[in-house]
């Protein structure tokens, strides 16, 4: 990890920035004119990435701690709970080329498709990024067919309360989301941000359903393909981000999984590098050539011991900032199984642990934001942190 001095300076800078944005009660205030100007950097007119509060609270698939993920119920609640950005959504294509919001193309676990006898014959087994996967896949359905389905809770064992909302919402399209964003921006009197992800882009390109061109076309249609547009694009495949970089001017983020994993596009084209190579100073410099940020798993920011408790803070935050990249790690959740071991309380899989303690520890590393299933917890934790 960096020296103590570096660590303190980074945190101090962020605390000062946070103090400019939050009153004692933690209410979000606009940055003062001078602070906004000082922090505008290369964002230019209209704010862009640099206009967001730091640390930024990103509603992971909406407010998926409380509603089935990637539904307008989840997205809407994330805004109501104070999220600065809503991750709407994970983008996968339909057979007829529309983009819809689902965590994965396999929808057996997130919709009621199994209850539809007319689709029983669509159940199949495919190899998805090298993994044998059985179920129902969006690319085998038209949009009209998908719109007959309803969303359900993906992890009912951890979120039994969310099953109350099973069947209430349908599957949104990306175009639905872009219209919703404008409508919510008008209603709320402040800019609503979204953070879509291209899912399995190499896999879908192989099926003739390239994602990036479809994303770019919709962003252009809605006037949201610019450097300061309130749409950040992300992907686990660096080549997808490089492709988007040629098509649109939006802020771009490379997602990073565990250090020993390889992005699937690297596997496909025989690039031997792993995520560990991408987070070296050299790898980060390369990413900074076509992206504005990284979305690392939290374990790349603070490693974990074998027992699941936190171990050592890495140099990733300092190294990324050195080349001008922002960091939006994932994912903070309130329930015990998802927290570092020392923040778990009791043994119930759906009980909350000390999420505030975990947020504080991660915020102290100097990260620029975090994905969370519980935006309200994140907003309160941020207020504690910047006023602390």
Protein backbone atom coordinates (compact mmCIF):
# COMPACT_ATOMS: atom_id res chain seq x y z
CA UNK A 1 0.00 0.00 0.00
CA UNK A 2 1.04 3.62 -0.37
CA UNK A 3 2.76 5.48 2.45
CA UNK A 4 0.65 6.72 5.35
CA UNK A 5 1.16 10.29 4.15
CA UNK A 6 -0.25 9.54 0.69
CA UNK A 7 -3.18 7.72 2.23
CA UNK A 8 -4.00 10.60 4.59
CA UNK A 9 -3.67 13.22 1.86
CA UNK A 10 -6.01 11.33 -0.45
CA UNK A 11 -8.63 10.84 2.23
CA UNK A 12 -8.32 14.43 3.38
CA UNK A 13 -8.85 15.76 -0.11
CA UNK A 14 -11.98 13.67 -0.44
CA UNK A 15 -13.28 14.67 2.97
CA UNK A 16 -12.90 18.33 2.02
CA UNK A 17 -14.73 17.75 -1.25
CA UNK A 18 -17.45 15.88 0.62
CA UNK A 19 -17.79 18.68 3.17
CA UNK A 20 -18.48 21.10 0.33
CA UNK A 21 -21.43 18.98 -0.71
CA UNK A 22 -23.03 17.92 2.53
CA UNK A 23 -24.62 19.95 5.28
CA UNK A 24 -24.50 18.69 8.87
CA UNK A 25 -27.63 16.66 8.21
CA UNK A 26 -26.07 14.97 5.20
CA UNK A 27 -28.43 16.54 2.67
CA UNK A 28 -27.03 16.75 -0.83
CA UNK A 29 -26.13 20.29 -1.80
CA UNK A 30 -24.73 21.52 -5.08
CA UNK A 31 -21.02 22.24 -5.06
CA UNK A 32 -20.34 25.94 -4.68
CA UNK A 33 -19.40 27.68 -7.90
CA UNK A 34 -15.72 27.88 -7.01
CA UNK A 35 -15.58 24.27 -5.79
CA UNK A 36 -17.36 23.09 -8.91
CA UNK A 37 -14.96 25.07 -11.10
CA UNK A 38 -11.95 23.78 -9.18
CA UNK A 39 -13.14 20.22 -9.57
CA UNK A 40 -14.39 20.44 -13.14
CA UNK A 41 -11.03 19.33 -14.48
CA UNK A 42 -11.38 18.05 -18.02
CA UNK A 43 -15.12 17.54 -17.67
CA UNK A 44 -15.84 20.82 -19.46
CA UNK A 45 -19.20 22.56 -19.39
CA UNK A 46 -22.20 20.75 -17.97
CA UNK A 47 -20.39 18.85 -15.21
CA UNK A 48 -19.76 15.33 -16.40
CA UNK A 49 -18.18 12.75 -14.11
CA UNK A 50 -16.45 15.38 -11.98
CA UNK A 51 -19.77 16.96 -11.01
CA UNK A 52 -20.81 13.89 -8.98
CA UNK A 53 -20.53 13.83 -5.19
CA UNK A 54 -17.49 11.95 -3.84
CA UNK A 55 -17.74 9.22 -2.75
CA UNK A 56 -20.51 8.56 -5.26
CA UNK A 57 -23.33 6.23 -4.19
CA UNK A 58 -24.31 3.98 -7.11
CA UNK A 59 -27.56 2.03 -6.87
CA UNK A 60 -26.49 -1.49 -7.92
CA UNK A 61 -29.16 -2.78 -10.32
CA UNK A 62 -31.33 -0.16 -8.65
CA UNK A 63 -32.21 -0.73 -5.01
CA UNK A 64 -31.84 -4.49 -5.26
CA UNK A 65 -31.59 -4.87 -1.50
CA UNK A 66 -35.30 -4.04 -1.39
CA UNK A 67 -36.87 -4.84 -4.77
CA UNK A 68 -36.26 -7.40 -7.54
CA UNK A 69 -33.25 -6.11 -9.50
CA UNK A 70 -33.39 -4.37 -12.87
CA UNK A 71 -37.03 -3.31 -12.58
CA UNK A 72 -38.46 0.18 -12.57
CA UNK A 73 -39.51 -0.54 -8.99
CA UNK A 74 -35.86 -1.06 -8.10
CA UNK A 75 -34.56 1.87 -10.18
CA UNK A 76 -37.17 4.28 -8.84
CA UNK A 77 -36.52 3.33 -5.22
CA UNK A 78 -32.75 3.81 -5.68
CA UNK A 79 -33.42 7.44 -6.63
CA UNK A 80 -35.86 7.87 -3.75
CA UNK A 81 -33.20 6.55 -1.34
CA UNK A 82 -30.63 9.09 -2.55
CA UNK A 83 -28.47 7.19 -5.06
CA UNK A 84 -26.37 9.56 -7.20
CA UNK A 85 -26.39 7.07 -10.10
CA UNK A 86 -28.63 4.11 -10.90
CA UNK A 87 -27.09 1.09 -12.58
CA UNK A 88 -29.82 0.79 -15.20
CA UNK A 89 -29.08 -1.66 -16.53
CA UNK A 90 -27.11 -4.74 -17.45
CA UNK A 91 -27.74 -4.85 -21.20
CA UNK A 92 -28.49 -8.07 -23.09
CA UNK A 93 -30.19 -8.44 -26.50
CA UNK A 94 -33.42 -10.06 -27.62
CA UNK A 95 -33.66 -12.26 -30.70
CA UNK A 96 -35.00 -9.30 -32.67
CA UNK A 97 -32.12 -7.05 -31.62
CA UNK A 98 -33.59 -4.96 -28.79
CA UNK A 99 -31.55 -4.28 -25.65
CA UNK A 100 -33.17 -5.25 -22.35
CA UNK A 101 -32.07 -4.94 -18.72
CA UNK A 102 -31.27 -8.29 -17.08
CA UNK A 103 -28.31 -9.24 -14.91
CA UNK A 104 -27.62 -12.19 -17.21
CA UNK A 105 -29.01 -13.43 -20.53
CA UNK A 106 -30.22 -16.52 -18.62
CA UNK A 107 -33.54 -15.41 -17.13
CA UNK A 108 -34.74 -18.52 -15.27
CA UNK A 109 -33.57 -17.04 -11.97
CA UNK A 110 -34.85 -13.48 -12.46
CA UNK A 111 -38.24 -13.92 -14.19
CA UNK A 112 -41.30 -16.18 -14.02
CA UNK A 113 -40.47 -17.75 -17.40
CA UNK A 114 -40.64 -21.25 -15.83
CA UNK A 115 -44.35 -20.63 -15.11
CA UNK A 116 -45.08 -20.05 -18.82
CA UNK A 117 -45.84 -23.44 -20.45
CA UNK A 118 -45.68 -21.85 -23.91
CA UNK A 119 -41.95 -21.26 -23.35
CA UNK A 120 -41.09 -24.69 -21.85
CA UNK A 121 -39.49 -25.73 -25.15
CA UNK A 122 -37.09 -22.77 -25.06
CA UNK A 123 -35.22 -24.17 -22.05
CA UNK A 124 -31.79 -25.14 -23.28
CA UNK A 125 -28.12 -25.57 -22.37
CA UNK A 126 -25.46 -23.22 -23.77
CA UNK A 127 -21.82 -22.47 -23.16
CA UNK A 128 -21.66 -18.88 -21.93
CA UNK A 129 -18.09 -17.56 -21.66
CA UNK A 130 -16.83 -21.09 -21.17
CA UNK A 131 -19.45 -22.02 -18.56
CA UNK A 132 -22.16 -24.59 -19.28
CA UNK A 133 -25.43 -22.84 -18.43
CA UNK A 134 -28.94 -24.26 -18.55
CA UNK A 135 -32.11 -22.16 -18.67
CA UNK A 136 -33.91 -19.63 -20.82
CA UNK A 137 -31.91 -16.97 -22.70
CA UNK A 138 -33.00 -13.51 -23.81
CA UNK A 139 -31.54 -14.04 -27.28
CA UNK A 140 -34.10 -16.81 -27.89
CA UNK A 141 -37.07 -14.50 -27.26
CA UNK A 142 -38.52 -11.56 -29.15
CA UNK A 143 -39.07 -8.37 -27.18
CA UNK A 144 -42.83 -8.92 -27.38
CA UNK A 145 -42.41 -12.37 -25.80
CA UNK A 146 -40.13 -11.07 -23.04
CA UNK A 147 -42.65 -8.35 -22.21
CA UNK A 148 -45.15 -11.09 -21.23
CA UNK A 149 -42.81 -12.13 -18.39
CA UNK A 150 -42.47 -10.60 -14.93
CA UNK A 151 -39.41 -10.12 -12.75
CA UNK A 152 -38.76 -12.10 -9.57
CA UNK A 153 -36.21 -11.88 -6.75
CA UNK A 154 -32.87 -13.45 -7.72
CA UNK A 155 -31.60 -14.39 -4.22
CA UNK A 156 -34.72 -15.18 -2.13
CA UNK A 157 -32.69 -16.97 0.56
CA UNK A 158 -30.97 -13.67 1.41
CA UNK A 159 -33.90 -11.42 0.52
CA UNK A 160 -37.15 -13.18 1.43
CA UNK A 161 -38.89 -9.81 1.84
CA UNK A 162 -38.25 -8.99 -1.82
CA UNK A 163 -40.35 -11.95 -2.95
CA UNK A 164 -43.40 -9.88 -1.93
CA UNK A 165 -42.80 -7.94 -5.17
CA UNK A 166 -42.43 -10.96 -7.47
CA UNK A 167 -44.52 -10.49 -10.59
CA UNK A 168 -45.11 -6.76 -10.13
CA UNK A 169 -42.76 -5.40 -12.81
CA UNK A 170 -41.81 -6.37 -16.34
CA UNK A 171 -38.39 -6.35 -18.03
CA UNK A 172 -37.36 -2.82 -19.05
CA UNK A 173 -35.73 -2.09 -22.38
CA UNK A 174 -32.72 0.23 -22.55
CA UNK A 175 -34.87 2.65 -24.50
CA UNK A 176 -37.49 2.54 -21.70
CA UNK A 177 -34.67 3.44 -19.29
CA UNK A 178 -33.45 6.39 -21.38
CA UNK A 179 -36.98 7.82 -21.48
CA UNK A 180 -37.45 7.16 -17.74
CA UNK A 181 -34.18 8.99 -17.05
CA UNK A 182 -35.47 12.13 -18.78
CA UNK A 183 -38.84 11.90 -17.07
CA UNK A 184 -37.24 11.49 -13.61
CA UNK A 185 -34.80 14.33 -14.27
CA UNK A 186 -37.75 16.61 -15.03
CA UNK A 187 -39.82 15.43 -12.06
CA UNK A 188 -36.99 15.66 -9.55
CA UNK A 189 -35.50 18.90 -10.82
CA UNK A 190 -31.99 17.45 -10.88
CA UNK A 191 -30.04 15.36 -13.33
CA UNK A 192 -30.55 11.61 -12.99
CA UNK A 193 -27.51 9.51 -13.92
CA UNK A 194 -27.43 5.94 -15.21
CA UNK A 195 -24.59 3.40 -15.48
CA UNK A 196 -25.38 0.67 -18.05
CA UNK A 197 -23.15 -2.35 -18.66
CA UNK A 198 -22.55 -4.37 -21.81
CA UNK A 199 -22.91 -8.02 -20.74
CA UNK A 200 -20.97 -10.82 -22.46
CA UNK A 201 -20.22 -8.65 -25.53
CA UNK A 202 -17.92 -11.20 -27.22
CA UNK A 203 -20.53 -13.95 -26.82
CA UNK A 204 -23.28 -11.79 -28.33
CA UNK A 205 -21.08 -10.51 -31.16
CA UNK A 206 -20.55 -14.16 -32.10
CA UNK A 207 -24.34 -14.52 -32.39
CA UNK A 208 -24.59 -11.49 -34.70
CA UNK A 209 -26.03 -9.38 -31.87
CA UNK A 210 -23.21 -6.87 -31.26
CA UNK A 211 -24.04 -4.74 -28.22
CA UNK A 212 -21.86 -1.68 -28.64
CA UNK A 213 -23.36 -0.45 -31.92
CA UNK A 214 -26.87 -0.87 -30.49
CA UNK A 215 -25.95 1.04 -27.34
CA UNK A 216 -24.33 3.84 -29.36
CA UNK A 217 -27.30 4.11 -31.71
CA UNK A 218 -29.76 4.56 -28.83
CA UNK A 219 -27.51 7.03 -27.01
CA UNK A 220 -27.17 9.10 -30.19
CA UNK A 221 -30.93 8.97 -30.78
CA UNK A 222 -31.54 10.39 -27.30
CA UNK A 223 -28.67 12.91 -27.42
CA UNK A 224 -26.76 11.11 -24.66
CA UNK A 225 -23.54 10.13 -26.43
CA UNK A 226 -21.38 13.05 -25.27
CA UNK A 227 -18.52 13.51 -22.84
CA UNK A 228 -20.77 15.24 -20.31
CA UNK A 229 -23.82 13.05 -20.87
CA UNK A 230 -25.17 11.57 -17.60
CA UNK A 231 -24.58 8.02 -18.84
CA UNK A 232 -21.46 6.09 -17.77
CA UNK A 233 -20.81 2.88 -19.74
CA UNK A 234 -19.07 -0.14 -18.23
CA UNK A 235 -17.96 -3.64 -19.19
CA UNK A 236 -15.85 -6.52 -17.90
CA UNK A 237 -14.38 -6.83 -21.40
CA UNK A 238 -11.77 -4.14 -22.16
CA UNK A 239 -12.29 -4.55 -25.92
CA UNK A 240 -15.96 -3.66 -25.48
CA UNK A 241 -14.94 -0.39 -23.81
CA UNK A 242 -12.37 0.23 -26.56
CA UNK A 243 -15.10 -0.32 -29.14
CA UNK A 244 -17.45 2.07 -27.32
CA UNK A 245 -14.64 4.63 -27.11
CA UNK A 246 -14.67 4.80 -30.93
CA UNK A 247 -18.48 5.08 -31.11
CA UNK A 248 -19.43 7.53 -28.33
CA UNK A 249 -17.84 10.17 -26.09
CA UNK A 250 -19.45 8.99 -22.83
CA UNK A 251 -17.41 8.34 -19.68
CA UNK A 252 -16.21 4.72 -19.84
CA UNK A 253 -15.29 2.27 -17.06
CA UNK A 254 -13.48 -1.08 -17.22
CA UNK A 255 -14.85 -3.57 -14.68
CA UNK A 256 -12.30 -5.82 -12.96
CA UNK A 257 -13.03 -9.17 -11.38
CA UNK A 258 -10.73 -11.24 -9.12
CA UNK A 259 -6.98 -10.75 -9.70
CA UNK A 260 -6.44 -14.30 -11.01
CA UNK A 261 -9.24 -14.13 -13.61
CA UNK A 262 -9.01 -13.26 -17.30
CA UNK A 263 -11.55 -11.10 -19.14
CA UNK A 264 -13.42 -13.34 -21.58
CA UNK A 265 -12.41 -11.31 -24.61
CA UNK A 266 -8.76 -11.95 -23.62
CA UNK A 267 -9.48 -15.69 -23.44
CA UNK A 268 -11.11 -15.63 -26.88
CA UNK A 269 -8.28 -13.77 -28.59
CA UNK A 270 -5.46 -15.55 -26.75
CA UNK A 271 -4.32 -12.55 -24.66
CA UNK A 272 -2.61 -14.24 -21.67
CA UNK A 273 -3.02 -11.29 -19.30
CA UNK A 274 -5.07 -11.53 -16.13
CA UNK A 275 -6.77 -8.83 -14.06
CA UNK A 276 -3.57 -8.78 -11.96
CA UNK A 277 -1.76 -7.51 -15.08
CA UNK A 278 -4.42 -4.86 -15.74
CA UNK A 279 -4.06 -3.35 -12.25
CA UNK A 280 -0.29 -2.83 -12.50
CA UNK A 281 0.80 0.77 -13.15
CA UNK A 282 1.45 -0.24 -16.78
CA UNK A 283 -1.98 -1.88 -17.14
CA UNK A 284 -3.73 1.11 -15.57
CA UNK A 285 -1.88 3.52 -17.90
CA UNK A 286 -3.16 1.51 -20.84
CA UNK A 287 -6.75 1.58 -19.52
CA UNK A 288 -6.45 5.35 -19.00
CA UNK A 289 -5.80 5.64 -22.74
CA UNK A 290 -9.40 4.73 -23.56
CA UNK A 291 -11.42 4.87 -20.30
CA UNK A 292 -12.06 7.30 -17.45
CA UNK A 293 -12.42 4.80 -14.64
CA UNK A 294 -12.26 1.27 -13.30
CA UNK A 295 -14.83 -0.77 -11.40
CA UNK A 296 -12.78 -3.23 -9.36
CA UNK A 297 -14.18 -5.84 -7.04
CA UNK A 298 -13.73 -4.56 -3.46
CA UNK A 299 -11.19 -7.34 -2.85
CA UNK A 300 -8.78 -5.56 -5.23
CA UNK A 301 -8.90 -2.50 -2.95
CA UNK A 302 -8.49 -4.39 0.35
CA UNK A 303 -7.52 -8.04 0.12
CA UNK A 304 -9.16 -10.69 2.30
CA UNK A 305 -7.70 -13.38 4.54
CA UNK A 306 -8.72 -17.02 4.22
CA UNK A 307 -11.42 -16.50 6.89
CA UNK A 308 -13.09 -13.74 4.86
CA UNK A 309 -11.91 -10.86 7.06
CA UNK A 310 -10.13 -7.84 5.61
CA UNK A 311 -6.37 -8.07 5.20
CA UNK A 312 -4.19 -5.52 3.41
CA UNK A 313 -5.02 -2.34 1.58
CA UNK A 314 -3.49 -2.47 -1.90
CA UNK A 315 -1.95 0.39 -3.89
CA UNK A 316 -4.76 0.24 -6.47
CA UNK A 317 -6.49 3.48 -5.40
CA UNK A 318 -3.25 5.49 -5.46
CA UNK A 319 -2.05 3.84 -8.68
CA UNK A 320 -5.35 4.47 -10.49
CA UNK A 321 -5.54 8.08 -9.32
CA UNK A 322 -1.97 8.63 -10.49
CA UNK A 323 -3.08 8.01 -14.08
CA UNK A 324 -6.33 9.96 -13.71
CA UNK A 325 -8.76 7.06 -13.33
CA UNK A 326 -11.70 7.12 -10.92
CA UNK A 327 -12.54 3.98 -8.93
CA UNK A 328 -16.09 2.72 -8.41
CA UNK A 329 -15.69 -0.69 -6.72
CA UNK A 330 -18.48 -3.24 -6.28
CA UNK A 331 -20.58 -4.37 -4.34
CA UNK A 332 -21.58 -3.28 -0.84
CA UNK A 333 -24.57 -5.19 0.54
CA UNK A 334 -26.03 -5.08 4.05
CA UNK A 335 -26.58 -8.81 4.57
CA UNK A 336 -24.07 -10.91 6.54
CA UNK A 337 -22.85 -13.27 3.79
CA UNK A 338 -21.76 -10.35 1.61
CA UNK A 339 -19.80 -8.47 4.29
CA UNK A 340 -16.18 -9.00 5.37
CA UNK A 341 -16.19 -11.51 8.24
CA UNK A 342 -15.46 -8.99 11.00
CA UNK A 343 -18.54 -6.98 10.07
CA UNK A 344 -20.99 -9.90 10.20
CA UNK A 345 -23.43 -10.04 13.11
CA UNK A 346 -25.04 -13.33 14.09
CA UNK A 347 -25.42 -16.21 11.65
CA UNK A 348 -28.65 -15.51 9.72
CA UNK A 349 -28.06 -15.35 5.97
CA UNK A 350 -30.57 -12.53 5.54
CA UNK A 351 -29.71 -10.55 8.70
CA UNK A 352 -27.85 -7.27 8.42
CA UNK A 353 -24.29 -6.99 9.70
CA UNK A 354 -22.34 -3.83 10.49
CA UNK A 355 -22.60 -2.39 6.98
CA UNK A 356 -21.78 1.11 8.25
CA UNK A 357 -18.46 -0.12 9.61
CA UNK A 358 -17.61 -1.75 6.28
CA UNK A 359 -18.59 1.34 4.27
CA UNK A 360 -16.38 3.48 6.51
CA UNK A 361 -13.41 1.18 6.02
CA UNK A 362 -13.76 1.18 2.24
CA UNK A 363 -14.43 4.92 1.98
CA UNK A 364 -11.23 5.55 3.98
CA UNK A 365 -9.18 4.04 1.13
CA UNK A 366 -10.00 7.06 -1.05
CA UNK A 367 -12.30 5.30 -3.54
CA UNK A 368 -14.39 7.68 -5.64
CA UNK A 369 -17.66 5.81 -5.19
CA UNK A 370 -19.17 2.39 -4.62
CA UNK A 371 -21.88 0.17 -6.02
CA UNK A 372 -24.37 -0.80 -3.33
CA UNK A 373 -27.64 -2.73 -3.18
CA UNK A 374 -28.70 -0.44 -0.31
CA UNK A 375 -28.41 3.16 -1.46
CA UNK A 376 -29.91 4.58 1.75
CA UNK A 377 -27.23 2.86 3.85
CA UNK A 378 -24.56 4.17 1.47
CA UNK A 379 -25.87 7.75 1.67
CA UNK A 380 -25.92 7.68 5.50
CA UNK A 381 -22.45 6.08 5.59
CA UNK A 382 -21.13 8.79 3.28
CA UNK A 383 -22.60 11.53 5.49
CA UNK A 384 -20.87 9.94 8.50
CA UNK A 385 -17.62 9.76 6.54
CA UNK A 386 -17.51 13.30 5.14
CA UNK A 387 -18.73 14.90 8.38
CA UNK A 388 -16.76 12.57 10.67
